[in-house]
Protein backbone atom coordinates (compact mmCIF):
# COMPACT_ATOMS: atom_id res chain seq x y z
CA MET A 1 55.93 -119.44 58.22
CA SER A 2 52.37 -120.52 57.77
CA GLY A 3 50.93 -120.10 53.90
CA ALA A 4 52.77 -118.95 50.77
CA ARG A 5 54.12 -115.59 51.73
CA GLN A 6 54.14 -113.53 48.13
CA VAL A 7 56.41 -110.75 46.37
CA VAL A 8 56.84 -108.79 43.91
CA VAL A 9 60.47 -107.87 42.24
CA GLU A 10 61.22 -105.67 39.67
CA ALA A 11 64.44 -105.20 37.90
CA ASP A 12 65.68 -103.49 34.78
CA GLY A 13 69.92 -103.10 34.21
CA GLY A 14 70.98 -100.86 31.04
CA SER A 15 74.44 -100.13 29.38
CA ARG A 16 75.54 -97.01 28.33
CA GLY A 17 77.01 -97.87 24.95
CA ASN A 18 75.47 -101.55 24.81
CA PRO A 19 78.20 -102.26 25.01
CA GLY A 20 78.89 -99.76 27.58
CA PRO A 21 79.48 -98.75 31.23
CA ALA A 22 76.33 -100.54 32.99
CA GLY A 23 74.96 -101.34 35.83
CA TYR A 24 71.59 -102.96 37.47
CA GLY A 25 68.58 -101.92 39.79
CA ALA A 26 65.94 -104.56 41.81
CA VAL A 27 63.25 -103.69 43.82
CA VAL A 28 60.94 -106.05 46.12
CA ILE A 29 57.72 -104.89 46.95
CA ASP A 30 55.00 -106.22 49.09
CA PRO A 31 51.81 -106.50 47.07
CA ALA A 32 49.11 -105.71 49.80
CA THR A 33 50.71 -102.23 50.24
CA GLY A 34 52.83 -101.53 47.56
CA GLU A 35 55.83 -100.49 49.64
CA PRO A 36 59.33 -101.46 48.60
CA LEU A 37 61.24 -104.15 51.16
CA ALA A 38 64.16 -104.21 49.89
CA GLU A 39 66.36 -102.37 47.04
CA ALA A 40 69.88 -103.99 45.14
CA ALA A 41 72.02 -101.76 42.62
CA GLU A 42 75.52 -101.81 41.32
CA TYR A 43 77.42 -100.86 38.59
CA ILE A 44 79.21 -104.15 36.72
CA GLY A 45 81.88 -102.34 34.36
CA VAL A 46 81.00 -103.22 30.62
CA ALA A 47 79.01 -104.97 29.68
CA THR A 48 75.57 -105.29 27.35
CA ASN A 49 72.13 -104.20 28.40
CA ASN A 50 70.63 -108.06 27.69
CA VAL A 51 73.44 -108.88 30.74
CA ALA A 52 72.72 -106.04 33.33
CA GLU A 53 69.01 -106.78 32.81
CA TYR A 54 70.11 -110.43 34.04
CA ARG A 55 72.13 -109.35 36.67
CA GLY A 56 69.28 -107.29 37.73
CA LEU A 57 66.86 -110.65 38.01
CA ILE A 58 69.57 -112.26 40.03
CA ALA A 59 70.00 -109.51 42.29
CA GLY A 60 65.86 -109.10 42.80
CA LEU A 61 65.10 -112.93 43.32
CA THR A 62 68.34 -112.70 45.84
CA ALA A 63 67.11 -109.81 47.77
CA ALA A 64 63.91 -111.71 47.96
CA LYS A 65 65.03 -115.16 48.99
CA ALA A 66 67.05 -113.25 51.63
CA LEU A 67 64.07 -111.16 53.16
CA PHE A 68 62.44 -114.43 53.89
CA PRO A 69 65.05 -117.05 54.76
CA ASP A 70 62.72 -119.56 56.05
CA ALA A 71 59.72 -119.40 53.86
CA GLY A 72 61.16 -122.06 52.13
CA ASP A 73 58.87 -123.86 48.95
CA ALA A 74 56.12 -121.19 50.33
CA LEU A 75 57.78 -118.17 48.94
CA ARG A 76 55.81 -116.81 45.61
CA VAL A 77 57.93 -114.10 44.24
CA HIS A 78 56.24 -112.62 40.74
CA VAL A 79 59.13 -110.96 38.73
CA ARG A 80 57.98 -107.94 36.30
CA MET A 81 60.69 -106.40 33.83
CA ASP A 82 60.35 -104.23 31.20
CA SER A 83 63.12 -106.69 29.16
CA LYS A 84 61.10 -108.83 26.83
CA LEU A 85 64.26 -110.75 25.97
CA VAL A 86 64.84 -111.63 29.88
CA VAL A 87 60.83 -112.08 30.94
CA GLU A 88 60.19 -114.59 27.52
CA GLN A 89 63.68 -116.82 28.17
CA MET A 90 63.07 -116.99 31.79
CA SER A 91 59.53 -118.41 30.85
CA GLY A 92 60.68 -121.09 29.04
CA ARG A 93 59.17 -119.41 25.86
CA TRP A 94 61.91 -118.62 23.97
CA LYS A 95 65.09 -120.46 23.20
CA ILE A 96 68.77 -119.04 25.29
CA LYS A 97 71.12 -119.28 22.23
CA HIS A 98 73.53 -116.10 23.46
CA PRO A 99 76.73 -117.71 25.44
CA ASP A 100 76.46 -115.17 27.69
CA MET A 101 73.10 -115.29 28.40
CA LYS A 102 72.68 -119.45 29.47
CA PRO A 103 75.18 -118.94 32.77
CA LEU A 104 72.93 -115.85 33.33
CA ALA A 105 69.64 -117.42 33.20
CA ALA A 106 70.90 -120.62 35.16
CA ARG A 107 72.11 -118.41 37.84
CA ALA A 108 68.65 -116.66 38.05
CA ALA A 109 66.56 -120.41 37.90
CA ALA A 110 68.54 -121.60 40.43
CA VAL A 111 68.22 -119.11 43.23
CA LEU A 112 64.66 -120.08 43.59
CA PRO A 113 62.59 -123.18 42.34
CA PRO A 114 61.08 -123.00 39.40
CA SER A 115 58.08 -122.96 40.55
CA SER A 116 58.05 -120.55 42.74
CA VAL A 117 58.51 -117.56 40.42
CA THR A 118 56.22 -116.26 37.61
CA TYR A 119 57.37 -113.77 35.00
CA GLU A 120 55.37 -110.77 33.53
CA TRP A 121 56.27 -108.13 31.17
CA ILE A 122 55.68 -104.63 31.55
CA PRO A 123 55.69 -101.30 30.19
CA ARG A 124 59.02 -98.96 30.69
CA ALA A 125 57.02 -96.69 32.69
CA GLN A 126 55.99 -99.22 34.64
CA ASN A 127 59.20 -99.86 35.84
CA LYS A 128 60.64 -96.70 37.10
CA HIS A 129 62.33 -97.55 40.40
CA ALA A 130 64.29 -100.35 38.63
CA ASP A 131 65.42 -98.34 36.18
CA ARG A 132 66.15 -95.25 38.82
CA LEU A 133 67.99 -97.66 40.45
CA ALA A 134 70.18 -98.82 37.42
CA ASN A 135 70.91 -95.15 36.55
CA GLU A 136 71.41 -94.44 40.08
CA ALA A 137 74.69 -97.50 39.89
CA MET A 138 75.89 -96.23 36.35
CA ASP A 139 76.50 -93.00 37.45
CA ALA A 140 78.08 -94.40 40.50
CA GLY A 141 80.40 -95.68 38.56
CA ARG A 142 81.05 -92.86 36.35
CA ASP A 143 81.91 -91.36 39.39
CA GLY A 144 84.40 -93.81 40.23
CA ARG A 145 82.30 -95.35 43.17
CA GLN A 146 79.56 -98.00 43.85
CA TRP A 147 76.04 -97.57 44.26
CA GLU A 148 74.88 -97.41 47.83
CA ALA A 149 71.26 -97.55 49.54
CA SER A 150 71.58 -94.55 51.75
CA ALA A 151 72.08 -92.24 49.34
CA SER A 152 69.22 -93.22 46.38
CA THR A 153 66.44 -91.29 45.72
CA ALA A 154 64.81 -93.94 42.98
CA ALA A 155 61.76 -94.36 45.46
CA LEU A 156 60.81 -91.32 45.30
CA ASP A 157 60.16 -91.73 41.66
CA ALA A 158 58.72 -94.83 41.46
CA PRO A 159 55.00 -94.63 40.13
CA ALA A 160 52.06 -95.85 42.57
CA ARG A 161 51.03 -99.09 42.55
CA ALA A 162 48.22 -101.03 42.94
CA VAL A 163 47.12 -102.64 46.50
CA SER A 164 46.64 -105.82 44.40
CA THR A 165 48.58 -107.33 42.03
CA PRO A 166 46.23 -108.73 39.35
CA PRO A 167 47.45 -112.35 37.94
CA PRO A 168 50.50 -112.45 35.49
CA ALA A 169 48.96 -112.29 31.78
CA GLN A 170 51.19 -114.65 29.88
CA GLY A 171 52.78 -113.61 26.92
CA PRO A 172 54.32 -110.79 25.37
CA PRO A 173 53.32 -107.28 24.94
CA GLY A 174 51.34 -106.78 22.39
CA ASP A 175 50.09 -110.25 22.03
CA GLN A 176 46.59 -111.34 22.21
CA VAL A 177 46.82 -112.96 25.72
CA ALA A 178 48.41 -110.40 27.59
CA GLY A 179 46.34 -107.74 25.94
CA ALA A 180 42.97 -109.29 27.19
CA ALA A 181 44.30 -109.72 30.35
CA ARG A 182 45.47 -105.95 31.33
CA ALA A 183 42.24 -104.93 29.51
CA ARG A 184 40.11 -107.25 31.68
CA ALA A 185 42.04 -105.25 34.88
CA ALA A 186 41.71 -101.72 33.35
CA LEU A 187 38.11 -102.58 33.26
CA ALA A 188 37.74 -104.26 36.74
CA ALA A 189 39.83 -101.15 37.82
CA ALA A 190 37.98 -98.39 36.80
CA ARG A 191 34.89 -100.61 38.19
CA GLY A 192 36.50 -101.13 41.89
CA THR A 193 35.92 -104.79 41.71
CA ALA A 194 38.73 -107.48 40.95
CA ALA A 195 39.58 -108.40 37.82
CA PRO A 196 37.02 -111.13 36.02
CA ALA A 197 38.56 -114.62 34.46
CA ALA A 198 38.53 -114.33 31.33
CA ASP A 199 35.58 -117.07 30.66
CA THR A 200 33.44 -114.71 32.85
CA LEU A 201 34.03 -111.33 30.66
CA PHE A 202 33.95 -113.48 27.34
CA PRO A 203 31.73 -116.17 28.21
CA VAL A 204 32.16 -119.04 25.61
CA PRO A 205 29.09 -121.35 25.74
CA GLU A 206 29.50 -125.39 26.14
CA PRO A 207 29.29 -127.23 22.23
CA GLY A 208 25.56 -127.81 21.63
CA VAL A 209 24.74 -125.51 24.37
CA PRO A 210 22.67 -122.17 23.41
CA ASP A 211 24.54 -118.99 24.83
CA THR A 212 22.13 -117.56 27.53
CA THR A 213 25.02 -116.00 29.80
CA VAL A 214 23.45 -112.50 30.56
CA PRO A 215 26.43 -110.18 30.91
CA ALA A 216 27.89 -108.98 33.81
CA ALA A 217 27.89 -105.98 33.60
CA PRO A 218 24.23 -103.93 32.50
CA VAL A 219 24.26 -103.03 28.81
CA SER A 220 22.24 -99.98 27.12
CA ALA A 221 21.27 -102.19 23.62
CA PRO A 222 18.32 -103.67 23.03
CA ALA A 223 18.16 -108.09 23.14
CA PRO A 224 17.98 -109.00 19.75
CA GLY A 225 14.65 -109.32 18.65
CA GLN A 226 12.87 -106.56 20.99
CA PRO A 227 12.35 -102.79 20.77
CA ALA A 228 14.39 -100.57 22.47
CA ALA A 229 12.28 -99.93 24.49
CA ALA A 230 12.37 -103.01 26.32
CA SER A 231 15.80 -103.24 27.47
CA SER A 232 15.43 -99.72 29.47
CA GLN A 233 15.27 -102.22 32.56
CA GLN A 234 18.74 -102.87 31.66
CA GLN A 235 19.44 -99.03 31.93
CA GLN A 236 21.98 -98.20 35.05
CA PRO A 237 20.28 -95.46 37.25
CA THR A 238 20.76 -91.66 37.23
CA GLY A 239 24.17 -90.90 39.06
CA ALA A 240 25.54 -94.36 38.98
CA PRO A 241 29.19 -95.57 38.14
CA GLN A 242 29.28 -96.11 34.70
CA VAL A 243 30.25 -100.39 33.64
CA GLY A 244 31.30 -101.95 30.79
CA TRP A 245 34.12 -100.63 28.19
CA GLY A 246 32.95 -96.48 28.74
CA SER A 247 34.48 -97.00 31.88
CA ALA A 248 38.23 -97.78 31.29
CA PRO A 249 40.32 -95.51 31.84
CA ASP A 250 41.73 -93.19 29.06
CA LEU A 251 44.93 -95.30 28.06
CA GLY A 252 45.82 -92.06 25.71
CA ALA A 253 47.01 -92.56 21.63
CA PRO A 254 48.38 -96.00 20.98
CA ALA A 255 51.33 -96.30 19.12
CA THR A 256 50.45 -97.22 15.85
CA LEU A 257 52.41 -99.14 13.40
CA VAL A 258 51.77 -98.30 9.75
CA LEU A 259 53.43 -102.01 8.01
CA LEU A 260 54.15 -101.04 4.36
CA ARG A 261 55.94 -103.93 2.48
CA HIS A 262 58.98 -102.72 0.04
CA GLY A 263 58.19 -102.50 -3.66
CA GLU A 264 58.81 -104.97 -6.47
CA THR A 265 61.79 -106.09 -7.24
CA ALA A 266 63.15 -108.47 -9.73
CA LEU A 267 62.47 -111.53 -7.73
CA THR A 268 59.01 -110.33 -6.72
CA PRO A 269 56.99 -111.46 -9.42
CA GLU A 270 58.71 -115.01 -9.90
CA LYS A 271 58.40 -116.13 -6.22
CA ARG A 272 61.65 -116.09 -5.41
CA PHE A 273 62.90 -116.54 -1.39
CA SER A 274 64.79 -113.10 -1.33
CA GLY A 275 65.68 -113.05 2.45
CA SER A 276 68.55 -111.24 4.27
CA GLY A 277 71.13 -113.82 2.99
CA GLY A 278 70.61 -113.22 -0.36
CA THR A 279 71.89 -110.34 -3.14
CA ASP A 280 69.96 -107.42 -1.62
CA PRO A 281 68.40 -106.77 -4.75
CA GLU A 282 66.96 -102.74 -5.56
CA LEU A 283 63.68 -101.63 -6.95
CA SER A 284 62.24 -102.79 -10.22
CA ALA A 285 60.63 -100.04 -12.20
CA THR A 286 57.43 -101.30 -11.05
CA GLY A 287 58.70 -101.55 -7.36
CA ARG A 288 60.08 -97.78 -7.84
CA GLY A 289 56.17 -96.42 -9.19
CA GLN A 290 54.93 -98.47 -6.32
CA ALA A 291 56.90 -97.03 -3.67
CA GLU A 292 55.67 -93.15 -5.34
CA ARG A 293 52.07 -93.97 -5.19
CA ALA A 294 52.93 -94.94 -1.46
CA ALA A 295 54.63 -91.82 -0.89
CA GLU A 296 51.56 -89.98 -2.13
CA HIS A 297 49.01 -92.52 -0.16
CA PHE A 298 50.85 -90.63 2.77
CA ALA A 299 51.29 -87.31 2.14
CA ALA A 300 47.36 -86.92 1.38
CA LEU A 301 47.13 -88.65 4.69
CA GLY A 302 48.97 -86.68 6.68
CA THR A 303 49.09 -88.61 9.70
CA VAL A 304 52.52 -90.63 9.55
CA GLN A 305 55.04 -89.08 12.05
CA GLU A 306 57.91 -91.04 11.89
CA ILE A 307 59.84 -93.61 9.47
CA VAL A 308 61.81 -96.74 10.55
CA SER A 309 62.86 -99.18 7.82
CA SER A 310 64.74 -102.66 7.50
CA PRO A 311 68.32 -102.37 6.54
CA LEU A 312 67.92 -104.26 3.44
CA ARG A 313 68.02 -101.87 -0.04
CA ARG A 314 64.37 -102.51 -1.12
CA CYS A 315 63.23 -101.18 2.29
CA ARG A 316 65.57 -98.11 2.50
CA GLU A 317 64.78 -97.30 -0.93
CA THR A 318 61.26 -97.28 -0.26
CA ALA A 319 61.25 -95.67 2.86
CA ALA A 320 63.20 -93.33 1.35
CA ALA A 321 60.88 -92.11 -1.12
CA VAL A 322 58.15 -91.59 1.51
CA ALA A 323 60.46 -89.76 3.02
CA ASP A 324 61.55 -87.37 1.15
CA ARG A 325 57.30 -86.93 0.37
CA LEU A 326 57.26 -86.36 4.05
CA GLY A 327 59.92 -84.39 4.82
CA LEU A 328 61.20 -87.05 7.38
CA ASP A 329 64.30 -88.95 8.41
CA VAL A 330 63.99 -92.85 8.56
CA ARG A 331 65.72 -94.70 11.05
CA ILE A 332 67.08 -98.11 10.51
CA ASP A 333 66.25 -100.70 13.10
CA GLU A 334 67.97 -104.53 11.83
CA GLY A 335 65.33 -106.33 13.48
CA LEU A 336 62.70 -105.79 10.93
CA ARG A 337 64.93 -107.46 7.92
CA GLU A 338 64.00 -110.30 6.42
CA THR A 339 64.46 -113.66 7.68
CA ASP A 340 67.97 -115.42 6.14
CA PHE A 341 66.47 -118.60 3.68
CA GLY A 342 70.03 -119.53 3.71
CA ALA A 343 70.31 -122.20 0.77
CA TRP A 344 67.55 -121.56 -0.57
CA GLU A 345 67.77 -117.44 -1.54
CA GLY A 346 66.89 -116.66 -4.87
CA LEU A 347 65.23 -120.13 -5.38
CA THR A 348 61.11 -120.39 -6.53
CA PHE A 349 59.68 -122.94 -4.28
CA GLY A 350 59.36 -125.80 -6.77
CA GLU A 351 63.00 -125.30 -6.85
CA THR A 352 63.16 -125.50 -3.20
CA ARG A 353 61.39 -128.26 -3.44
CA GLU A 354 63.38 -130.46 -6.09
CA ARG A 355 66.44 -129.74 -4.24
CA TYR A 356 66.13 -129.74 -0.79
CA GLY A 357 62.72 -131.66 -0.60
CA ASP A 358 62.90 -132.83 2.87
CA ASP A 359 64.26 -129.43 4.34
CA LEU A 360 61.39 -127.76 3.29
CA THR A 361 58.76 -130.24 4.42
CA ALA A 362 60.19 -129.89 8.05
CA TRP A 363 60.70 -126.41 7.68
CA LEU A 364 56.87 -125.83 6.49
CA ALA A 365 55.63 -128.30 9.85
CA SER A 366 57.43 -126.27 12.31
CA PRO A 367 58.42 -122.58 13.42
CA ASP A 368 61.45 -124.05 14.67
CA THR A 369 63.38 -125.45 11.72
CA ALA A 370 65.91 -122.81 10.11
CA PRO A 371 65.97 -123.40 5.82
CA THR A 372 68.81 -125.42 4.48
CA GLY A 373 72.35 -123.97 4.69
CA GLY A 374 71.85 -122.27 7.99
CA GLY A 375 69.18 -120.06 7.15
CA GLU A 376 66.56 -118.71 10.10
CA SER A 377 63.79 -120.42 11.48
CA PHE A 378 60.40 -118.39 12.19
CA ALA A 379 61.09 -118.73 15.62
CA GLU A 380 63.93 -116.75 15.73
CA VAL A 381 62.75 -114.04 13.60
CA ALA A 382 59.64 -114.18 15.80
CA GLU A 383 61.76 -112.89 18.77
CA ARG A 384 63.68 -110.58 17.03
CA VAL A 385 60.94 -108.91 15.90
CA ALA A 386 59.08 -108.26 18.72
CA ALA A 387 62.23 -107.16 19.85
CA ALA A 388 62.16 -104.69 17.44
CA ARG A 389 58.20 -104.12 17.95
CA ASP A 390 59.11 -103.38 21.63
CA ARG A 391 61.58 -100.66 20.97
CA ILE A 392 59.76 -98.98 18.42
CA VAL A 393 56.34 -98.76 20.43
CA ALA A 394 58.07 -97.41 23.74
CA ARG A 395 60.24 -95.09 21.59
CA TYR A 396 57.00 -93.82 19.82
CA ALA A 397 54.28 -94.31 22.35
CA GLY A 398 51.43 -92.36 20.94
CA ARG A 399 52.92 -91.81 17.85
CA THR A 400 52.18 -93.18 14.13
CA VAL A 401 54.63 -94.74 12.60
CA LEU A 402 55.80 -96.61 9.39
CA LEU A 403 57.81 -99.47 9.40
CA VAL A 404 58.92 -100.29 5.88
CA THR A 405 59.87 -103.77 6.29
CA HIS A 406 58.85 -107.37 4.48
CA VAL A 407 56.80 -110.25 4.33
CA THR A 408 58.00 -112.25 7.20
CA PRO A 409 58.37 -109.09 9.71
CA ILE A 410 55.23 -108.05 9.03
CA LYS A 411 52.84 -111.31 9.52
CA THR A 412 54.85 -112.05 12.80
CA LEU A 413 53.47 -108.57 13.83
CA VAL A 414 50.00 -109.26 12.80
CA ARG A 415 50.28 -113.13 13.29
CA LEU A 416 51.90 -111.74 17.58
CA ALA A 417 49.13 -108.95 17.82
CA LEU A 418 46.25 -111.57 17.38
CA GLY A 419 47.57 -114.62 18.83
CA ALA A 420 47.48 -116.87 16.21
CA PRO A 421 49.29 -119.90 16.08
CA PRO A 422 52.66 -120.08 13.97
CA GLU A 423 51.81 -122.03 10.81
CA SER A 424 49.48 -118.78 10.25
CA LEU A 425 52.00 -117.23 8.26
CA PHE A 426 50.67 -119.42 5.66
CA ARG A 427 47.97 -118.52 5.45
CA MET A 428 48.15 -114.36 4.84
CA GLU A 429 48.84 -112.85 1.52
CA LEU A 430 51.30 -109.90 1.68
CA SER A 431 51.44 -108.07 -2.03
CA ALA A 432 54.24 -105.66 -3.03
CA ALA A 433 53.91 -102.12 -1.52
CA SER A 434 50.72 -103.31 0.28
CA ILE A 435 49.30 -101.40 4.22
CA SER A 436 48.76 -103.23 7.21
CA THR A 437 48.11 -101.63 10.44
CA VAL A 438 48.24 -102.60 14.33
CA ALA A 439 47.59 -100.18 17.44
CA TYR A 440 49.66 -100.96 20.72
CA TYR A 441 47.82 -99.47 23.18
CA ALA A 442 49.15 -98.56 27.06
CA ASP A 443 47.97 -101.33 28.76
CA GLY A 444 49.44 -103.82 26.17
CA ASN A 445 46.81 -104.64 24.24
CA ALA A 446 46.70 -104.55 20.61
CA SER A 447 44.56 -103.62 17.43
CA VAL A 448 44.34 -105.07 14.17
CA ARG A 449 43.38 -102.43 12.13
CA LEU A 450 44.36 -103.06 8.24
CA LEU A 451 45.80 -106.04 6.77
CA ASN A 452 47.04 -105.97 3.07
CA ASP A 453 45.46 -103.12 2.00
CA THR A 454 46.42 -102.10 -2.15
CA SER A 455 43.82 -99.68 -2.91
CA HIS A 456 46.52 -96.85 -3.12
CA LEU A 457 48.25 -98.65 -5.80
CA ARG A 458 45.20 -98.83 -8.22
């Protein structure tokens, strides 16, 4: 076979109970036509979602290899999945810690040379074909049989696919890099052109060289220092397709996450480490007052439609105050809990420095370092917070959701949305009962709209 052979694999897995009856589905797609080339699905008995998702990936890669057995190293496979865990672990950005995942990841990595496979996260709505296959497999298992390709109708529910596949975005959904790549693709689709590279849509001048780049698309605003009439030559002719930001397809209302830090506890004014491994303190009188003022604020706005809280007491109490005022229920998500600070729980920064100086220095220097005594590293916290974010954004697409949580989860969500490095966590201030907001659009892009607002407390 001359030249590289390219295919797309979409895979999914599910478990009705997690763990529970589980199955997977995978489809191999021709990126030039969007046509499915092969399907695979199987009921695998009782398993977790993650195990089923990995099994789907393995099946998809195996099917792609079987289609082109003579391609060898010339075969290129682009994997698209709505499992952030699998995408991030197989891309090498997240560590694989769970013992059940390690052998599955090793099996997936062994199907094809690692250099032949790329990974991309996609929203669940774009993974309908594989999702339908997985559900067909689970339905078959429920009925005491195995999935049969001849009886499958999964392809009928598959979304329309573009004729060409844009370059894979790097980074999880909602992160700045992935969002920018999808925004470029959306703009290009509206113009009917190929997606431009990042440095053509958002040019960066060389150091010391004035930025004289002319925008690729005409704009209606006058150049700095010129009267408005001088820009008329840049106006598009009547009837010409509109270009620029105004041409982007309607992505619908974003999932808007309103991030409320819990009110004060007795530990808050003393700036003591208070995570998920400590005493789980209740709100102080001051904290209860802050929660009530937050409730008044959201009642006046009338925008919050759902409430999700960390399982820790201070967050549940804060969330309850708002929920009572708005007449809403509170859902609990374990992924929103605060960092486990290990042996540092209850200590001030100074006390921690005195007792565990070397450990504290190492922790400040690396997001992969955990606090003394078996706490969580910031990298581990980011992994579970991002997974919680994906669950919530998928569940509440187009809605405004109040997340009542803690300092580290809020800072992490903001950091990921901005594409900022881990050390940026130490450069944000988050007051008790403060409000921050991040909106997540259907194309994977994120917009930080507010940070550490305390005006409602004054």
